[in-house]
Amino acid sequence: MKPFFSALSAWSCVVISFFAVIILTVLGILFKSNHHAFTGSEGSPEDGGAVAGSLFTAVLVYVAFFVFCGFQAWLHVRANRRGAISLH
């Protein structure tokens, strides 16, 4: 199977998705627990659980990106081991 995207794009997507999952998960946990720094002021959302639900949905999307892009990166690594891709 051939990769759809370049190796640089695949690895960039893997790194960005990894950090997005971590950051959005932490934010989701803080909103779900109604942490005062995120829900304590007048301009803050009143329903922290709804915001947390949206954040966790975004986490699932980024997990899917991570898996897909990781598969693409793995295809590049596998192809490079066999010498199928040569840029010389």
N, C-alpha and C. Protein backbone atom coordinates (compact mmCIF):
# COMPACT_ATOMS: atom_id res chain seq x y z
N MET A 1 0.84 -1.17 0.00
CA MET A 1 0.00 0.00 0.00
C MET A 1 0.89 1.24 0.00
N LYS A 2 0.51 2.22 -0.79
CA LYS A 2 1.29 3.46 -0.88
C LYS A 2 0.68 4.53 0.01
N PRO A 3 1.52 5.35 0.61
CA PRO A 3 0.99 6.45 1.43
C PRO A 3 0.34 7.53 0.57
N PHE A 4 -0.67 8.19 1.13
CA PHE A 4 -1.37 9.28 0.45
C PHE A 4 -0.62 10.61 0.58
N PHE A 5 0.07 10.79 1.70
CA PHE A 5 0.70 12.06 2.01
C PHE A 5 2.21 11.89 2.15
N SER A 6 2.91 13.00 2.07
CA SER A 6 4.37 12.95 2.21
C SER A 6 4.74 12.60 3.65
N ALA A 7 5.98 12.19 3.82
CA ALA A 7 6.45 11.82 5.16
C ALA A 7 6.41 13.02 6.10
N LEU A 8 6.80 14.19 5.62
CA LEU A 8 6.79 15.39 6.45
C LEU A 8 5.37 15.72 6.90
N SER A 9 4.42 15.64 6.00
CA SER A 9 3.02 15.92 6.36
C SER A 9 2.50 14.91 7.38
N ALA A 10 2.83 13.65 7.17
CA ALA A 10 2.35 12.61 8.08
C ALA A 10 2.93 12.80 9.48
N TRP A 11 4.24 13.03 9.57
CA TRP A 11 4.85 13.19 10.88
C TRP A 11 4.40 14.49 11.55
N SER A 12 4.20 15.55 10.78
CA SER A 12 3.69 16.81 11.35
C SER A 12 2.31 16.60 11.94
N CYS A 13 1.48 15.88 11.22
CA CYS A 13 0.12 15.59 11.70
C CYS A 13 0.16 14.75 12.97
N VAL A 14 1.07 13.80 13.04
CA VAL A 14 1.20 12.96 14.23
C VAL A 14 1.56 13.81 15.45
N VAL A 15 2.53 14.69 15.29
CA VAL A 15 2.98 15.52 16.41
C VAL A 15 1.90 16.50 16.85
N ILE A 16 1.28 17.17 15.89
CA ILE A 16 0.23 18.14 16.21
C ILE A 16 -0.95 17.46 16.87
N SER A 17 -1.35 16.30 16.34
CA SER A 17 -2.48 15.56 16.92
C SER A 17 -2.18 15.09 18.33
N PHE A 18 -0.95 14.65 18.56
CA PHE A 18 -0.57 14.19 19.89
C PHE A 18 -0.72 15.31 20.92
N PHE A 19 -0.18 16.48 20.61
CA PHE A 19 -0.26 17.59 21.55
C PHE A 19 -1.69 18.12 21.67
N ALA A 20 -2.45 18.08 20.59
CA ALA A 20 -3.85 18.52 20.66
C ALA A 20 -4.66 17.62 21.58
N VAL A 21 -4.42 16.32 21.52
CA VAL A 21 -5.13 15.39 22.40
C VAL A 21 -4.80 15.69 23.86
N ILE A 22 -3.56 15.92 24.16
CA ILE A 22 -3.16 16.21 25.55
C ILE A 22 -3.79 17.52 26.03
N ILE A 23 -3.64 18.57 25.25
CA ILE A 23 -4.13 19.89 25.67
C ILE A 23 -5.64 19.91 25.79
N LEU A 24 -6.35 19.37 24.80
CA LEU A 24 -7.81 19.39 24.84
C LEU A 24 -8.36 18.48 25.94
N THR A 25 -7.67 17.40 26.25
CA THR A 25 -8.11 16.54 27.34
C THR A 25 -7.98 17.26 28.68
N VAL A 26 -6.88 17.95 28.88
CA VAL A 26 -6.71 18.71 30.13
C VAL A 26 -7.77 19.80 30.24
N LEU A 27 -8.01 20.52 29.15
CA LEU A 27 -9.05 21.56 29.19
C LEU A 27 -10.44 20.96 29.45
N GLY A 28 -10.72 19.82 28.83
CA GLY A 28 -12.00 19.16 29.05
C GLY A 28 -12.19 18.74 30.49
N ILE A 29 -11.14 18.21 31.09
CA ILE A 29 -11.22 17.80 32.50
C ILE A 29 -11.46 19.01 33.40
N LEU A 30 -10.77 20.12 33.10
CA LEU A 30 -10.96 21.32 33.92
C LEU A 30 -12.37 21.88 33.77
N PHE A 31 -12.92 21.88 32.56
CA PHE A 31 -14.29 22.37 32.39
C PHE A 31 -15.30 21.42 33.02
N LYS A 32 -15.05 20.11 32.91
CA LYS A 32 -15.99 19.15 33.48
C LYS A 32 -16.06 19.27 35.00
N SER A 33 -14.93 19.58 35.62
CA SER A 33 -14.92 19.74 37.08
C SER A 33 -15.34 21.14 37.51
N ASN A 34 -15.75 21.98 36.55
CA ASN A 34 -16.15 23.37 36.82
C ASN A 34 -15.07 24.12 37.60
N HIS A 35 -13.85 23.99 37.13
CA HIS A 35 -12.72 24.66 37.75
C HIS A 35 -12.97 26.17 37.74
N HIS A 36 -12.71 26.82 38.85
CA HIS A 36 -13.06 28.24 39.01
C HIS A 36 -12.33 29.15 38.02
N ALA A 37 -11.18 28.74 37.54
CA ALA A 37 -10.44 29.58 36.58
C ALA A 37 -11.12 29.61 35.22
N PHE A 38 -11.95 28.60 34.93
CA PHE A 38 -12.59 28.53 33.62
C PHE A 38 -14.08 28.83 33.67
N THR A 39 -14.71 28.68 34.79
CA THR A 39 -16.15 28.91 34.88
C THR A 39 -16.54 29.91 35.96
N GLY A 40 -15.60 30.63 36.53
CA GLY A 40 -15.89 31.47 37.67
C GLY A 40 -16.21 32.92 37.38
N SER A 41 -16.00 33.40 36.15
CA SER A 41 -16.24 34.83 35.89
C SER A 41 -17.53 35.02 35.11
N GLU A 42 -17.90 36.28 34.89
CA GLU A 42 -19.14 36.60 34.19
C GLU A 42 -19.12 36.19 32.73
N GLY A 43 -17.96 36.27 32.08
CA GLY A 43 -17.87 35.93 30.66
C GLY A 43 -17.65 34.46 30.40
N SER A 44 -17.54 33.68 31.45
CA SER A 44 -17.29 32.25 31.30
C SER A 44 -18.59 31.50 31.03
N PRO A 45 -18.51 30.35 30.38
CA PRO A 45 -19.72 29.56 30.17
C PRO A 45 -20.27 29.04 31.49
N GLU A 46 -21.60 28.97 31.56
CA GLU A 46 -22.23 28.50 32.80
C GLU A 46 -22.25 26.98 32.89
N ASP A 47 -22.36 26.31 31.75
CA ASP A 47 -22.44 24.85 31.73
C ASP A 47 -21.09 24.28 31.31
N GLY A 48 -20.24 24.03 32.28
CA GLY A 48 -18.92 23.49 32.00
C GLY A 48 -18.98 22.09 31.41
N GLY A 49 -20.01 21.32 31.74
CA GLY A 49 -20.17 19.97 31.21
C GLY A 49 -20.40 19.96 29.72
N ALA A 50 -21.16 20.94 29.21
CA ALA A 50 -21.41 21.02 27.77
C ALA A 50 -20.13 21.38 27.02
N VAL A 51 -19.37 22.29 27.59
CA VAL A 51 -18.09 22.67 26.97
C VAL A 51 -17.15 21.47 26.99
N ALA A 52 -17.12 20.74 28.10
CA ALA A 52 -16.27 19.56 28.20
C ALA A 52 -16.68 18.52 27.17
N GLY A 53 -17.97 18.35 26.93
CA GLY A 53 -18.43 17.41 25.91
C GLY A 53 -17.93 17.77 24.53
N SER A 54 -17.95 19.06 24.21
CA SER A 54 -17.44 19.52 22.92
C SER A 54 -15.94 19.28 22.82
N LEU A 55 -15.23 19.53 23.90
CA LEU A 55 -13.78 19.32 23.90
C LEU A 55 -13.44 17.84 23.75
N PHE A 56 -14.20 16.97 24.40
CA PHE A 56 -13.93 15.54 24.28
C PHE A 56 -14.27 15.01 22.89
N THR A 57 -15.26 15.62 22.24
CA THR A 57 -15.54 15.27 20.85
C THR A 57 -14.37 15.66 19.95
N ALA A 58 -13.79 16.83 20.20
CA ALA A 58 -12.61 17.25 19.44
C ALA A 58 -11.43 16.32 19.72
N VAL A 59 -11.32 15.82 20.95
CA VAL A 59 -10.26 14.86 21.28
C VAL A 59 -10.42 13.60 20.44
N LEU A 60 -11.65 13.13 20.29
CA LEU A 60 -11.88 11.93 19.47
C LEU A 60 -11.49 12.16 18.01
N VAL A 61 -11.77 13.35 17.50
CA VAL A 61 -11.38 13.67 16.13
C VAL A 61 -9.87 13.67 16.00
N TYR A 62 -9.18 14.26 16.96
CA TYR A 62 -7.72 14.29 16.91
C TYR A 62 -7.11 12.91 17.12
N VAL A 63 -7.75 12.05 17.88
CA VAL A 63 -7.28 10.67 18.01
C VAL A 63 -7.38 9.97 16.66
N ALA A 64 -8.47 10.22 15.94
CA ALA A 64 -8.61 9.63 14.60
C ALA A 64 -7.52 10.15 13.66
N PHE A 65 -7.24 11.46 13.72
CA PHE A 65 -6.14 12.02 12.92
C PHE A 65 -4.82 11.36 13.30
N PHE A 66 -4.58 11.20 14.60
CA PHE A 66 -3.34 10.60 15.08
C PHE A 66 -3.17 9.18 14.52
N VAL A 67 -4.23 8.40 14.56
CA VAL A 67 -4.16 7.03 14.07
C VAL A 67 -3.93 7.01 12.56
N PHE A 68 -4.69 7.81 11.82
CA PHE A 68 -4.54 7.83 10.36
C PHE A 68 -3.16 8.32 9.95
N CYS A 69 -2.72 9.42 10.53
CA CYS A 69 -1.41 9.97 10.16
C CYS A 69 -0.28 9.07 10.65
N GLY A 70 -0.46 8.43 11.78
CA GLY A 70 0.54 7.47 12.24
C GLY A 70 0.66 6.30 11.28
N PHE A 71 -0.46 5.86 10.73
CA PHE A 71 -0.43 4.79 9.73
C PHE A 71 0.30 5.26 8.47
N GLN A 72 0.05 6.50 8.06
CA GLN A 72 0.75 7.04 6.89
C GLN A 72 2.25 7.13 7.14
N ALA A 73 2.64 7.58 8.32
CA ALA A 73 4.06 7.66 8.66
C ALA A 73 4.69 6.27 8.69
N TRP A 74 3.96 5.29 9.23
CA TRP A 74 4.45 3.93 9.27
C TRP A 74 4.66 3.38 7.85
N LEU A 75 3.76 3.72 6.93
CA LEU A 75 3.93 3.29 5.54
C LEU A 75 5.21 3.86 4.94
N HIS A 76 5.52 5.12 5.28
CA HIS A 76 6.77 5.72 4.79
C HIS A 76 7.98 5.02 5.38
N VAL A 77 7.95 4.71 6.66
CA VAL A 77 9.07 4.03 7.30
C VAL A 77 9.25 2.65 6.67
N ARG A 78 8.16 1.96 6.48
CA ARG A 78 8.23 0.62 5.90
C ARG A 78 8.76 0.66 4.47
N ALA A 79 8.32 1.64 3.70
CA ALA A 79 8.78 1.77 2.31
C ALA A 79 10.26 2.14 2.26
N ASN A 80 10.72 2.97 3.19
CA ASN A 80 12.13 3.36 3.21
C ASN A 80 13.04 2.19 3.59
N ARG A 81 12.57 1.30 4.41
CA ARG A 81 13.37 0.13 4.80
C ARG A 81 13.60 -0.79 3.61
N ARG A 82 12.60 -0.87 2.73
CA ARG A 82 12.73 -1.75 1.58
C ARG A 82 13.41 -1.07 0.41
N GLY A 83 13.67 0.23 0.52
CA GLY A 83 14.33 0.94 -0.56
C GLY A 83 13.39 1.31 -1.70
N ALA A 84 12.09 1.33 -1.43
CA ALA A 84 11.13 1.62 -2.49
C ALA A 84 11.11 3.10 -2.84
N ILE A 85 11.45 3.96 -1.90
CA ILE A 85 11.41 5.39 -2.14
C ILE A 85 12.85 5.89 -2.17
N SER A 86 13.25 6.46 -3.29
CA SER A 86 14.59 7.00 -3.43
C SER A 86 14.50 8.39 -4.02
N LEU A 87 15.06 9.36 -3.34
CA LEU A 87 14.97 10.75 -3.78
C LEU A 87 16.29 11.24 -4.37
N HIS A 88 17.14 10.38 -4.81
CA HIS A 88 18.45 10.78 -5.36
C HIS A 88 18.35 10.99 -6.85
